[in-house]
Amino acid sequence: MVVLTNYPTEATRIACKDAGADRVFDKSTELEEFFEYCLSRHRNV
């Protein structure tokens, strides 16, 4: 599970990880990393 959020506070990141998220990305600054992560996961399927 991946979370893409506009609220990337440390508390949000921790809550997402505790809920089972593999990764948490900030929409405003980490979109490129998010796309790279998705592509790498797709290639490994």
PDB file of N, CA and C in Angstrom:
ATOM      1  N   MET A   1       0.846  -1.161   0.000  1.00  0.00           N
ATOM      2  CA  MET A   1       0.000   0.000   0.000  1.00  0.00           C
ATOM      3  C   MET A   1       0.897   1.232   0.000  1.00  0.00           C
ATOM      4  N   VAL A   2       0.517   2.215  -0.788  1.00  0.00           N
ATOM      5  CA  VAL A   2       1.249   3.474  -0.894  1.00  0.00           C
ATOM      6  C   VAL A   2       0.291   4.617  -0.595  1.00  0.00           C
ATOM      7  N   VAL A   3       0.780   5.618   0.124  1.00  0.00           N
ATOM      8  CA  VAL A   3      -0.028   6.792   0.446  1.00  0.00           C
ATOM      9  C   VAL A   3       0.583   7.999  -0.256  1.00  0.00           C
ATOM     10  N   LEU A   4      -0.254   8.752  -0.939  1.00  0.00           N
ATOM     11  CA  LEU A   4       0.124  10.004  -1.595  1.00  0.00           C
ATOM     12  C   LEU A   4      -0.674  11.095  -0.899  1.00  0.00           C
ATOM     13  N   THR A   5       0.010  12.024  -0.224  1.00  0.00           N
ATOM     14  CA  THR A   5      -0.688  12.972   0.630  1.00  0.00           C
ATOM     15  C   THR A   5      -0.206  14.406   0.454  1.00  0.00           C
ATOM     16  N   ASN A   6      -1.056  15.338   0.818  1.00  0.00           N
ATOM     17  CA  ASN A   6      -0.687  16.756   0.898  1.00  0.00           C
ATOM     18  C   ASN A   6      -0.291  17.130   2.321  1.00  0.00           C
ATOM     19  N   TYR A   7      -0.369  16.199   3.252  1.00  0.00           N
ATOM     20  CA  TYR A   7      -0.083  16.443   4.671  1.00  0.00           C
ATOM     21  C   TYR A   7       1.003  15.495   5.158  1.00  0.00           C
ATOM     22  N   PRO A   8       2.246  15.679   4.691  1.00  0.00           N
ATOM     23  CA  PRO A   8       3.306  14.728   4.998  1.00  0.00           C
ATOM     24  C   PRO A   8       4.022  14.984   6.330  1.00  0.00           C
ATOM     25  N   THR A   9       3.246  15.313   7.356  1.00  0.00           N
ATOM     26  CA  THR A   9       3.885  15.527   8.653  1.00  0.00           C
ATOM     27  C   THR A   9       4.442  14.202   9.162  1.00  0.00           C
ATOM     28  N   GLU A  10       5.324  14.281  10.122  1.00  0.00           N
ATOM     29  CA  GLU A  10       5.889  13.063  10.700  1.00  0.00           C
ATOM     30  C   GLU A  10       4.791  12.211  11.329  1.00  0.00           C
ATOM     31  N   ALA A  11       3.819  12.855  11.972  1.00  0.00           N
ATOM     32  CA  ALA A  11       2.709  12.113  12.577  1.00  0.00           C
ATOM     33  C   ALA A  11       1.890  11.381  11.511  1.00  0.00           C
ATOM     34  N   THR A  12       1.654  12.022  10.378  1.00  0.00           N
ATOM     35  CA  THR A  12       0.923  11.386   9.285  1.00  0.00           C
ATOM     36  C   THR A  12       1.701  10.205   8.744  1.00  0.00           C
ATOM     37  N   ARG A  13       2.998  10.393   8.550  1.00  0.00           N
ATOM     38  CA  ARG A  13       3.842   9.300   8.042  1.00  0.00           C
ATOM     39  C   ARG A  13       3.820   8.101   8.994  1.00  0.00           C
ATOM     40  N   ILE A  14       3.938   8.365  10.281  1.00  0.00           N
ATOM     41  CA  ILE A  14       3.923   7.292  11.272  1.00  0.00           C
ATOM     42  C   ILE A  14       2.579   6.586  11.267  1.00  0.00           C
ATOM     43  N   ALA A  15       1.485   7.346  11.235  1.00  0.00           N
ATOM     44  CA  ALA A  15       0.145   6.751  11.234  1.00  0.00           C
ATOM     45  C   ALA A  15      -0.059   5.881   9.988  1.00  0.00           C
ATOM     46  N   CYS A  16       0.411   6.351   8.846  1.00  0.00           N
ATOM     47  CA  CYS A  16       0.276   5.575   7.608  1.00  0.00           C
ATOM     48  C   CYS A  16       1.080   4.283   7.687  1.00  0.00           C
ATOM     49  N   LYS A  17       2.308   4.372   8.170  1.00  0.00           N
ATOM     50  CA  LYS A  17       3.149   3.179   8.318  1.00  0.00           C
ATOM     51  C   LYS A  17       2.510   2.199   9.303  1.00  0.00           C
ATOM     52  N   ASP A  18       1.972   2.727  10.412  1.00  0.00           N
ATOM     53  CA  ASP A  18       1.312   1.874  11.403  1.00  0.00           C
ATOM     54  C   ASP A  18       0.081   1.187  10.826  1.00  0.00           C
ATOM     55  N   ALA A  19      -0.558   1.837   9.844  1.00  0.00           N
ATOM     56  CA  ALA A  19      -1.751   1.274   9.201  1.00  0.00           C
ATOM     57  C   ALA A  19      -1.384   0.297   8.078  1.00  0.00           C
ATOM     58  N   GLY A  20      -0.080   0.157   7.811  1.00  0.00           N
ATOM     59  CA  GLY A  20       0.340  -0.821   6.826  1.00  0.00           C
ATOM     60  C   GLY A  20       0.921  -0.275   5.537  1.00  0.00           C
ATOM     61  N   ALA A  21       1.088   1.022   5.446  1.00  0.00           N
ATOM     62  CA  ALA A  21       1.649   1.605   4.225  1.00  0.00           C
ATOM     63  C   ALA A  21       3.106   1.195   4.061  1.00  0.00           C
ATOM     64  N   ASP A  22       3.458   0.845   2.831  1.00  0.00           N
ATOM     65  CA  ASP A  22       4.845   0.529   2.521  1.00  0.00           C
ATOM     66  C   ASP A  22       5.653   1.805   2.339  1.00  0.00           C
ATOM     67  N   ARG A  23       5.022   2.795   1.747  1.00  0.00           N
ATOM     68  CA  ARG A  23       5.682   4.082   1.494  1.00  0.00           C
ATOM     69  C   ARG A  23       4.657   5.199   1.628  1.00  0.00           C
ATOM     70  N   VAL A  24       5.153   6.389   1.975  1.00  0.00           N
ATOM     71  CA  VAL A  24       4.329   7.594   2.061  1.00  0.00           C
ATOM     72  C   VAL A  24       5.039   8.674   1.251  1.00  0.00           C
ATOM     73  N   PHE A  25       4.312   9.289   0.316  1.00  0.00           N
ATOM     74  CA  PHE A  25       4.876  10.314  -0.552  1.00  0.00           C
ATOM     75  C   PHE A  25       4.116  11.626  -0.396  1.00  0.00           C
ATOM     76  N   ASP A  26       4.865  12.720  -0.432  1.00  0.00           N
ATOM     77  CA  ASP A  26       4.299  14.062  -0.401  1.00  0.00           C
ATOM     78  C   ASP A  26       3.966  14.477  -1.836  1.00  0.00           C
ATOM     79  N   LYS A  27       2.707  14.817  -2.080  1.00  0.00           N
ATOM     80  CA  LYS A  27       2.282  15.202  -3.428  1.00  0.00           C
ATOM     81  C   LYS A  27       3.041  16.414  -3.961  1.00  0.00           C
ATOM     82  N   SER A  28       3.381  17.329  -3.082  1.00  0.00           N
ATOM     83  CA  SER A  28       3.975  18.584  -3.554  1.00  0.00           C
ATOM     84  C   SER A  28       5.478  18.491  -3.810  1.00  0.00           C
ATOM     85  N   THR A  29       6.156  17.510  -3.223  1.00  0.00           N
ATOM     86  CA  THR A  29       7.609  17.458  -3.396  1.00  0.00           C
ATOM     87  C   THR A  29       8.159  16.093  -3.803  1.00  0.00           C
ATOM     88  N   GLU A  30       7.337  15.045  -3.758  1.00  0.00           N
ATOM     89  CA  GLU A  30       7.851  13.702  -4.009  1.00  0.00           C
ATOM     90  C   GLU A  30       7.128  12.965  -5.135  1.00  0.00           C
ATOM     91  N   LEU A  31       6.536  13.704  -6.055  1.00  0.00           N
ATOM     92  CA  LEU A  31       5.817  13.041  -7.153  1.00  0.00           C
ATOM     93  C   LEU A  31       6.752  12.216  -8.024  1.00  0.00           C
ATOM     94  N   GLU A  32       7.916  12.733  -8.320  1.00  0.00           N
ATOM     95  CA  GLU A  32       8.855  11.981  -9.156  1.00  0.00           C
ATOM     96  C   GLU A  32       9.257  10.668  -8.479  1.00  0.00           C
ATOM     97  N   GLU A  33       9.515  10.724  -7.183  1.00  0.00           N
ATOM     98  CA  GLU A  33       9.853   9.518  -6.434  1.00  0.00           C
ATOM     99  C   GLU A  33       8.679   8.535  -6.422  1.00  0.00           C
ATOM    100  N   PHE A  34       7.462   9.074  -6.304  1.00  0.00           N
ATOM    101  CA  PHE A  34       6.262   8.241  -6.338  1.00  0.00           C
ATOM    102  C   PHE A  34       6.145   7.505  -7.675  1.00  0.00           C
ATOM    103  N   PHE A  35       6.327   8.239  -8.777  1.00  0.00           N
ATOM    104  CA  PHE A  35       6.248   7.615 -10.101  1.00  0.00           C
ATOM    105  C   PHE A  35       7.334   6.558 -10.282  1.00  0.00           C
ATOM    106  N   GLU A  36       8.541   6.868  -9.838  1.00  0.00           N
ATOM    107  CA  GLU A  36       9.635   5.904  -9.927  1.00  0.00           C
ATOM    108  C   GLU A  36       9.324   4.645  -9.125  1.00  0.00           C
ATOM    109  N   TYR A  37       8.774   4.831  -7.935  1.00  0.00           N
ATOM    110  CA  TYR A  37       8.409   3.690  -7.092  1.00  0.00           C
ATOM    111  C   TYR A  37       7.360   2.828  -7.809  1.00  0.00           C
ATOM    112  N   CYS A  38       6.343   3.455  -8.349  1.00  0.00           N
ATOM    113  CA  CYS A  38       5.282   2.708  -9.055  1.00  0.00           C
ATOM    114  C   CYS A  38       5.847   1.949 -10.255  1.00  0.00           C
ATOM    115  N   LEU A  39       6.687   2.602 -11.025  1.00  0.00           N
ATOM    116  CA  LEU A  39       7.291   1.947 -12.184  1.00  0.00           C
ATOM    117  C   LEU A  39       8.175   0.774 -11.761  1.00  0.00           C
ATOM    118  N   SER A  40       8.944   0.940 -10.707  1.00  0.00           N
ATOM    119  CA  SER A  40       9.817  -0.147 -10.263  1.00  0.00           C
ATOM    120  C   SER A  40       8.991  -1.329  -9.768  1.00  0.00           C
ATOM    121  N   ARG A  41       7.885  -1.063  -9.097  1.00  0.00           N
ATOM    122  CA  ARG A  41       7.006  -2.146  -8.633  1.00  0.00           C
ATOM    123  C   ARG A  41       6.370  -2.857  -9.822  1.00  0.00           C
ATOM    124  N   HIS A  42       5.983  -2.085 -10.830  1.00  0.00           N
ATOM    125  CA  HIS A  42       5.362  -2.668 -12.012  1.00  0.00           C
ATOM    126  C   HIS A  42       6.352  -3.565 -12.757  1.00  0.00           C
ATOM    127  N   ARG A  43       7.593  -3.153 -12.845  1.00  0.00           N
ATOM    128  CA  ARG A  43       8.624  -3.926 -13.536  1.00  0.00           C
ATOM    129  C   ARG A  43       8.915  -5.233 -12.823  1.00  0.00           C
ATOM    130  N   ASN A  44       8.735  -5.270 -11.507  1.00  0.00           N
ATOM    131  CA  ASN A  44       9.045  -6.464 -10.709  1.00  0.00           C
ATOM    132  C   ASN A  44       7.902  -7.452 -10.646  1.00  0.00           C
ATOM    133  N   VAL A  45       6.789  -7.151 -11.257  1.00  0.00           N
ATOM    134  CA  VAL A  45       5.623  -8.051 -11.206  1.00  0.00           C
ATOM    135  C   VAL A  45       5.769  -9.141 -12.230  1.00  0.00           C
TER     136      VAL A  45
END
